[in-house]
PDB file of N, CA and C in Angstrom:
ATOM      1  N   MET A   1       2.298 -57.341  37.080  1.00  0.00           N
ATOM      2  CA  MET A   1       1.077 -56.719  37.545  1.00  0.00           C
ATOM      3  C   MET A   1       1.208 -55.205  37.396  1.00  0.00           C
ATOM      4  N   ASP A   2       0.199 -54.623  36.847  1.00  0.00           N
ATOM      5  CA  ASP A   2       0.204 -53.181  36.654  1.00  0.00           C
ATOM      6  C   ASP A   2      -0.236 -52.478  37.928  1.00  0.00           C
ATOM      7  N   ILE A   3       0.354 -51.339  38.150  1.00  0.00           N
ATOM      8  CA  ILE A   3      -0.034 -50.531  39.304  1.00  0.00           C
ATOM      9  C   ILE A   3      -1.343 -49.802  39.021  1.00  0.00           C
ATOM     10  N   ASP A   4      -1.744 -49.775  37.742  1.00  0.00           N
ATOM     11  CA  ASP A   4      -2.992 -49.103  37.367  1.00  0.00           C
ATOM     12  C   ASP A   4      -4.198 -49.739  38.049  1.00  0.00           C
ATOM     13  N   VAL A   5      -4.158 -51.043  38.234  1.00  0.00           N
ATOM     14  CA  VAL A   5      -5.284 -51.738  38.868  1.00  0.00           C
ATOM     15  C   VAL A   5      -5.440 -51.287  40.313  1.00  0.00           C
ATOM     16  N   ILE A   6      -4.338 -51.105  40.982  1.00  0.00           N
ATOM     17  CA  ILE A   6      -4.377 -50.654  42.380  1.00  0.00           C
ATOM     18  C   ILE A   6      -4.956 -49.242  42.455  1.00  0.00           C
ATOM     19  N   PHE A   7      -4.547 -48.385  41.513  1.00  0.00           N
ATOM     20  CA  PHE A   7      -5.075 -47.029  41.493  1.00  0.00           C
ATOM     21  C   PHE A   7      -6.564 -47.006  41.154  1.00  0.00           C
ATOM     22  N   LYS A   8      -6.993 -47.896  40.267  1.00  0.00           N
ATOM     23  CA  LYS A   8      -8.422 -47.966  39.929  1.00  0.00           C
ATOM     24  C   LYS A   8      -9.248 -48.391  41.135  1.00  0.00           C
ATOM     25  N   ILE A   9      -8.778 -49.400  41.853  1.00  0.00           N
ATOM     26  CA  ILE A   9      -9.501 -49.871  43.031  1.00  0.00           C
ATOM     27  C   ILE A   9      -9.527 -48.793  44.109  1.00  0.00           C
ATOM     28  N   ALA A  10      -8.410 -48.102  44.291  1.00  0.00           N
ATOM     29  CA  ALA A  10      -8.373 -47.018  45.276  1.00  0.00           C
ATOM     30  C   ALA A  10      -9.296 -45.872  44.864  1.00  0.00           C
ATOM     31  N   GLY A  11      -9.334 -45.564  43.589  1.00  0.00           N
ATOM     32  CA  GLY A  11     -10.224 -44.511  43.103  1.00  0.00           C
ATOM     33  C   GLY A  11     -11.684 -44.858  43.294  1.00  0.00           C
ATOM     34  N   ILE A  12     -12.034 -46.109  43.026  1.00  0.00           N
ATOM     35  CA  ILE A  12     -13.410 -46.554  43.243  1.00  0.00           C
ATOM     36  C   ILE A  12     -13.763 -46.461  44.724  1.00  0.00           C
ATOM     37  N   GLY A  13     -12.842 -46.834  45.587  1.00  0.00           N
ATOM     38  CA  GLY A  13     -13.088 -46.769  47.022  1.00  0.00           C
ATOM     39  C   GLY A  13     -13.276 -45.352  47.520  1.00  0.00           C
ATOM     40  N   ILE A  14     -12.440 -44.449  47.052  1.00  0.00           N
ATOM     41  CA  ILE A  14     -12.550 -43.047  47.472  1.00  0.00           C
ATOM     42  C   ILE A  14     -13.845 -42.437  46.965  1.00  0.00           C
ATOM     43  N   LEU A  15     -14.171 -42.696  45.700  1.00  0.00           N
ATOM     44  CA  LEU A  15     -15.411 -42.165  45.130  1.00  0.00           C
ATOM     45  C   LEU A  15     -16.640 -42.713  45.846  1.00  0.00           C
ATOM     46  N   ALA A  16     -16.628 -44.006  46.145  1.00  0.00           N
ATOM     47  CA  ALA A  16     -17.765 -44.612  46.848  1.00  0.00           C
ATOM     48  C   ALA A  16     -17.901 -44.040  48.254  1.00  0.00           C
ATOM     49  N   THR A  17     -16.791 -43.790  48.915  1.00  0.00           N
ATOM     50  CA  THR A  17     -16.831 -43.226  50.261  1.00  0.00           C
ATOM     51  C   THR A  17     -17.435 -41.824  50.263  1.00  0.00           C
ATOM     52  N   VAL A  18     -17.031 -41.009  49.306  1.00  0.00           N
ATOM     53  CA  VAL A  18     -17.556 -39.645  49.222  1.00  0.00           C
ATOM     54  C   VAL A  18     -19.051 -39.663  48.915  1.00  0.00           C
ATOM     55  N   VAL A  19     -19.452 -40.490  47.952  1.00  0.00           N
ATOM     56  CA  VAL A  19     -20.864 -40.560  47.578  1.00  0.00           C
ATOM     57  C   VAL A  19     -21.702 -41.094  48.736  1.00  0.00           C
ATOM     58  N   CYS A  20     -21.203 -42.112  49.420  1.00  0.00           N
ATOM     59  CA  CYS A  20     -21.942 -42.665  50.560  1.00  0.00           C
ATOM     60  C   CYS A  20     -22.081 -41.649  51.685  1.00  0.00           C
ATOM     61  N   SER A  21     -21.042 -40.873  51.936  1.00  0.00           N
ATOM     62  CA  SER A  21     -21.118 -39.850  52.976  1.00  0.00           C
ATOM     63  C   SER A  21     -22.160 -38.786  52.635  1.00  0.00           C
ATOM     64  N   ILE A  22     -22.169 -38.366  51.384  1.00  0.00           N
ATOM     65  CA  ILE A  22     -23.151 -37.365  50.962  1.00  0.00           C
ATOM     66  C   ILE A  22     -24.567 -37.919  51.071  1.00  0.00           C
ATOM     67  N   LEU A  23     -24.755 -39.155  50.636  1.00  0.00           N
ATOM     68  CA  LEU A  23     -26.085 -39.751  50.679  1.00  0.00           C
ATOM     69  C   LEU A  23     -26.564 -39.978  52.111  1.00  0.00           C
ATOM     70  N   GLU A  24     -25.670 -40.390  52.990  1.00  0.00           N
ATOM     71  CA  GLU A  24     -26.066 -40.612  54.383  1.00  0.00           C
ATOM     72  C   GLU A  24     -26.421 -39.304  55.081  1.00  0.00           C
ATOM     73  N   GLN A  25     -25.712 -38.229  54.760  1.00  0.00           N
ATOM     74  CA  GLN A  25     -26.027 -36.941  55.370  1.00  0.00           C
ATOM     75  C   GLN A  25     -27.352 -36.377  54.866  1.00  0.00           C
ATOM     76  N   SER A  26     -27.730 -36.764  53.649  1.00  0.00           N
ATOM     77  CA  SER A  26     -29.002 -36.289  53.122  1.00  0.00           C
ATOM     78  C   SER A  26     -30.157 -37.211  53.493  1.00  0.00           C
ATOM     79  N   GLY A  27     -29.884 -38.259  54.248  1.00  0.00           N
ATOM     80  CA  GLY A  27     -30.940 -39.130  54.749  1.00  0.00           C
ATOM     81  C   GLY A  27     -31.301 -40.278  53.828  1.00  0.00           C
ATOM     82  N   LYS A  28     -30.508 -40.564  52.846  1.00  0.00           N
ATOM     83  CA  LYS A  28     -30.795 -41.652  51.906  1.00  0.00           C
ATOM     84  C   LYS A  28     -29.847 -42.812  52.170  1.00  0.00           C
ATOM     85  N   LYS A  29     -30.038 -43.433  53.314  1.00  0.00           N
ATOM     86  CA  LYS A  29     -29.138 -44.484  53.764  1.00  0.00           C
ATOM     87  C   LYS A  29     -29.231 -45.738  52.895  1.00  0.00           C
ATOM     88  N   GLU A  30     -30.424 -46.040  52.349  1.00  0.00           N
ATOM     89  CA  GLU A  30     -30.589 -47.237  51.537  1.00  0.00           C
ATOM     90  C   GLU A  30     -29.812 -47.135  50.228  1.00  0.00           C
ATOM     91  N   ILE A  31     -29.847 -45.946  49.630  1.00  0.00           N
ATOM     92  CA  ILE A  31     -29.117 -45.752  48.381  1.00  0.00           C
ATOM     93  C   ILE A  31     -27.613 -45.788  48.647  1.00  0.00           C
ATOM     94  N   ALA A  32     -27.184 -45.278  49.793  1.00  0.00           N
ATOM     95  CA  ALA A  32     -25.768 -45.332  50.154  1.00  0.00           C
ATOM     96  C   ALA A  32     -25.302 -46.775  50.308  1.00  0.00           C
ATOM     97  N   THR A  33     -26.175 -47.613  50.834  1.00  0.00           N
ATOM     98  CA  THR A  33     -25.834 -49.029  50.960  1.00  0.00           C
ATOM     99  C   THR A  33     -25.665 -49.672  49.594  1.00  0.00           C
ATOM    100  N   PHE A  34     -26.553 -49.338  48.656  1.00  0.00           N
ATOM    101  CA  PHE A  34     -26.439 -49.884  47.306  1.00  0.00           C
ATOM    102  C   PHE A  34     -25.180 -49.387  46.598  1.00  0.00           C
ATOM    103  N   VAL A  35     -24.805 -48.157  46.836  1.00  0.00           N
ATOM    104  CA  VAL A  35     -23.588 -47.609  46.227  1.00  0.00           C
ATOM    105  C   VAL A  35     -22.358 -48.345  46.756  1.00  0.00           C
ATOM    106  N   SER A  36     -22.302 -48.560  48.058  1.00  0.00           N
ATOM    107  CA  SER A  36     -21.146 -49.258  48.622  1.00  0.00           C
ATOM    108  C   SER A  36     -21.115 -50.714  48.170  1.00  0.00           C
ATOM    109  N   LEU A  37     -22.269 -51.347  48.071  1.00  0.00           N
ATOM    110  CA  LEU A  37     -22.323 -52.732  47.611  1.00  0.00           C
ATOM    111  C   LEU A  37     -21.897 -52.837  46.153  1.00  0.00           C
ATOM    112  N   SER A  38     -22.333 -51.903  45.334  1.00  0.00           N
ATOM    113  CA  SER A  38     -21.951 -51.944  43.922  1.00  0.00           C
ATOM    114  C   SER A  38     -20.457 -51.682  43.734  1.00  0.00           C
ATOM    115  N   SER A  39     -19.877 -50.836  44.553  1.00  0.00           N
ATOM    116  CA  SER A  39     -18.436 -50.597  44.439  1.00  0.00           C
ATOM    117  C   SER A  39     -17.640 -51.834  44.847  1.00  0.00           C
ATOM    118  N   VAL A  40     -18.119 -52.550  45.851  1.00  0.00           N
ATOM    119  CA  VAL A  40     -17.452 -53.792  46.245  1.00  0.00           C
ATOM    120  C   VAL A  40     -17.550 -54.820  45.129  1.00  0.00           C
ATOM    121  N   ILE A  41     -18.695 -54.912  44.488  1.00  0.00           N
ATOM    122  CA  ILE A  41     -18.877 -55.877  43.405  1.00  0.00           C
ATOM    123  C   ILE A  41     -17.991 -55.533  42.211  1.00  0.00           C
ATOM    124  N   ILE A  42     -17.877 -54.253  41.882  1.00  0.00           N
ATOM    125  CA  ILE A  42     -17.016 -53.836  40.772  1.00  0.00           C
ATOM    126  C   ILE A  42     -15.563 -54.203  41.050  1.00  0.00           C
ATOM    127  N   CYS A  43     -15.092 -53.935  42.262  1.00  0.00           N
ATOM    128  CA  CYS A  43     -13.713 -54.278  42.619  1.00  0.00           C
ATOM    129  C   CYS A  43     -13.507 -55.787  42.637  1.00  0.00           C
ATOM    130  N   LEU A  44     -14.503 -56.524  43.089  1.00  0.00           N
ATOM    131  CA  LEU A  44     -14.405 -57.984  43.121  1.00  0.00           C
ATOM    132  C   LEU A  44     -14.307 -58.554  41.714  1.00  0.00           C
ATOM    133  N   VAL A  45     -15.061 -58.009  40.770  1.00  0.00           N
ATOM    134  CA  VAL A  45     -14.987 -58.470  39.383  1.00  0.00           C
ATOM    135  C   VAL A  45     -13.607 -58.184  38.797  1.00  0.00           C
ATOM    136  N   MET A  46     -13.042 -57.040  39.119  1.00  0.00           N
ATOM    137  CA  MET A  46     -11.698 -56.718  38.634  1.00  0.00           C
ATOM    138  C   MET A  46     -10.674 -57.703  39.174  1.00  0.00           C
ATOM    139  N   VAL A  47     -10.763 -58.015  40.453  1.00  0.00           N
ATOM    140  CA  VAL A  47      -9.803 -58.929  41.078  1.00  0.00           C
ATOM    141  C   VAL A  47     -10.013 -60.351  40.565  1.00  0.00           C
ATOM    142  N   LEU A  48     -11.265 -60.758  40.372  1.00  0.00           N
ATOM    143  CA  LEU A  48     -11.525 -62.110  39.881  1.00  0.00           C
ATOM    144  C   LEU A  48     -10.990 -62.318  38.471  1.00  0.00           C
ATOM    145  N   SER A  49     -11.065 -61.304  37.634  1.00  0.00           N
ATOM    146  CA  SER A  49     -10.501 -61.447  36.294  1.00  0.00           C
ATOM    147  C   SER A  49      -8.982 -61.592  36.354  1.00  0.00           C
ATOM    148  N   MET A  50      -8.352 -60.889  37.285  1.00  0.00           N
ATOM    149  CA  MET A  50      -6.901 -61.030  37.445  1.00  0.00           C
ATOM    150  C   MET A  50      -6.541 -62.416  37.970  1.00  0.00           C
ATOM    151  N   ILE A  51      -7.330 -62.959  38.889  1.00  0.00           N
ATOM    152  CA  ILE A  51      -7.074 -64.303  39.414  1.00  0.00           C
ATOM    153  C   ILE A  51      -7.277 -65.341  38.319  1.00  0.00           C
ATOM    154  N   SER A  52      -8.269 -65.136  37.467  1.00  0.00           N
ATOM    155  CA  SER A  52      -8.497 -66.046  36.349  1.00  0.00           C
ATOM    156  C   SER A  52      -7.299 -66.040  35.400  1.00  0.00           C
ATOM    157  N   ASP A  53      -6.764 -64.870  35.125  1.00  0.00           N
ATOM    158  CA  ASP A  53      -5.567 -64.783  34.287  1.00  0.00           C
ATOM    159  C   ASP A  53      -4.380 -65.477  34.943  1.00  0.00           C
ATOM    160  N   LEU A  54      -4.265 -65.357  36.253  1.00  0.00           N
ATOM    161  CA  LEU A  54      -3.185 -66.023  36.982  1.00  0.00           C
ATOM    162  C   LEU A  54      -3.287 -67.534  36.857  1.00  0.00           C
ATOM    163  N   PHE A  55      -4.494 -68.074  37.044  1.00  0.00           N
ATOM    164  CA  PHE A  55      -4.664 -69.525  36.943  1.00  0.00           C
ATOM    165  C   PHE A  55      -4.419 -70.027  35.524  1.00  0.00           C
ATOM    166  N   SER A  56      -4.823 -69.278  34.522  1.00  0.00           N
ATOM    167  CA  SER A  56      -4.552 -69.706  33.146  1.00  0.00           C
ATOM    168  C   SER A  56      -3.059 -69.656  32.840  1.00  0.00           C
ATOM    169  N   THR A  57      -2.357 -68.691  33.391  1.00  0.00           N
ATOM    170  CA  THR A  57      -0.904 -68.629  33.205  1.00  0.00           C
ATOM    171  C   THR A  57      -0.215 -69.803  33.879  1.00  0.00           C
ATOM    172  N   ILE A  58      -0.648 -70.140  35.084  1.00  0.00           N
ATOM    173  CA  ILE A  58      -0.063 -71.296  35.782  1.00  0.00           C
ATOM    174  C   ILE A  58      -0.364 -72.583  35.034  1.00  0.00           C
ATOM    175  N   ARG A  59      -1.586 -72.696  34.509  1.00  0.00           N
ATOM    176  CA  ARG A  59      -1.959 -73.883  33.743  1.00  0.00           C
ATOM    177  C   ARG A  59      -1.094 -74.016  32.493  1.00  0.00           C
ATOM    178  N   ASN A  60      -0.829 -72.911  31.806  1.00  0.00           N
ATOM    179  CA  ASN A  60       0.025 -72.949  30.611  1.00  0.00           C
ATOM    180  C   ASN A  60       1.479 -73.198  30.980  1.00  0.00           C
ATOM    181  N   LEU A  61       1.910 -72.705  32.116  1.00  0.00           N
ATOM    182  CA  LEU A  61       3.289 -72.878  32.528  1.00  0.00           C
ATOM    183  C   LEU A  61       3.616 -74.338  32.790  1.00  0.00           C
ATOM    184  N   PHE A  62       2.705 -75.044  33.445  1.00  0.00           N
ATOM    185  CA  PHE A  62       2.939 -76.433  33.774  1.00  0.00           C
ATOM    186  C   PHE A  62       2.291 -77.393  32.781  1.00  0.00           C
ATOM    187  N   SER A  63       1.769 -76.855  31.692  1.00  0.00           N
ATOM    188  CA  SER A  63       1.134 -77.652  30.621  1.00  0.00           C
ATOM    189  C   SER A  63       0.011 -78.518  31.152  1.00  0.00           C
ATOM    190  N   LEU A  64      -0.826 -77.965  31.999  1.00  0.00           N
ATOM    191  CA  LEU A  64      -1.976 -78.675  32.531  1.00  0.00           C
ATOM    192  C   LEU A  64      -3.193 -78.279  31.709  1.00  0.00           C
ATOM    193  N   TYR A  65      -3.983 -79.278  31.336  1.00  0.00           N
ATOM    194  CA  TYR A  65      -5.190 -78.971  30.548  1.00  0.00           C
ATOM    195  C   TYR A  65      -6.371 -79.617  31.124  1.00  0.00           C
TER     196      TYR A  65
END
């Protein structure tokens, strides 16, 4: 597992937090909600692709088809 994925997820989280804070202070709470939701979805897609790779590796390891 690469440490780059952890840094990418942390970077997305920090960026989303800063953007949400700025948007909430300017009174645009709905857009801040969409920003936080989109960052969660992006991180979830990254993790799901890694889990898919894990399951395919396990399937190949035990010769399951």
